[in-house]
Amino acid sequence: MSVDDYREWVRYAEQDWQLVASLLRRKRPPTVAVCFHAQQSAEKYLKAL
């Protein structure tokens, strides 16, 4: 595994988390999508470890 591999996973995780934050700012956030992307973000952070 190269040094850049974990950084790539972190970038992907950050994108998911930014989407979660954006969706939560809506008046009626789509909860299924919020939960899905939060889970995806957590999974990608774990892969980065």
Protein backbone atom coordinates (compact mmCIF):
# COMPACT_ATOMS: atom_id res chain seq x y z
CA MET A 1 0.00 0.00 0.00
CA SER A 2 1.37 3.39 -0.91
CA VAL A 3 1.21 6.56 1.15
CA ASP A 4 -1.27 8.08 -1.30
CA ASP A 5 -3.78 5.23 -0.91
CA TYR A 6 -4.98 6.36 2.50
CA ARG A 7 -5.14 9.97 1.34
CA GLU A 8 -7.39 8.95 -1.52
CA TRP A 9 -9.75 7.18 0.89
CA VAL A 10 -9.79 10.28 3.09
CA ARG A 11 -10.66 12.45 0.08
CA TYR A 12 -13.54 10.13 -0.79
CA ALA A 13 -14.73 10.12 2.82
CA GLU A 14 -14.63 13.92 2.95
CA GLN A 15 -16.75 14.15 -0.18
CA ASP A 16 -19.39 11.91 1.36
CA TRP A 17 -19.31 13.89 4.59
CA GLN A 18 -19.65 17.21 2.75
CA LEU A 19 -22.72 15.81 1.02
CA VAL A 20 -24.16 14.78 4.40
CA ALA A 21 -23.62 18.28 5.75
CA SER A 22 -25.21 19.81 2.67
CA LEU A 23 -28.23 17.53 2.81
CA LEU A 24 -28.76 18.26 6.51
CA ARG A 25 -29.05 21.99 5.77
CA ARG A 26 -32.24 21.36 3.80
CA LYS A 27 -35.58 22.15 5.37
CA ARG A 28 -36.60 18.49 4.96
CA PRO A 29 -33.41 16.44 4.58
CA PRO A 30 -33.69 13.10 2.79
CA THR A 31 -32.90 10.93 5.79
CA VAL A 32 -32.21 7.74 3.84
CA ALA A 33 -29.60 9.53 1.71
CA VAL A 34 -28.09 11.23 4.77
CA CYS A 35 -27.71 7.91 6.57
CA PHE A 36 -26.29 6.18 3.51
CA HIS A 37 -23.62 8.81 2.87
CA ALA A 38 -22.74 9.05 6.58
CA GLN A 39 -22.18 5.29 6.62
CA GLN A 40 -20.14 5.48 3.43
CA SER A 41 -18.01 8.25 4.88
CA ALA A 42 -17.32 6.25 8.04
CA GLU A 43 -16.45 3.16 6.03
CA LYS A 44 -14.00 5.08 3.86
CA TYR A 45 -12.33 6.67 6.90
CA LEU A 46 -11.87 3.17 8.32
CA LYS A 47 -10.34 2.00 5.06
CA ALA A 48 -7.93 4.93 5.27
CA LEU A 49 -6.71 3.59 8.61
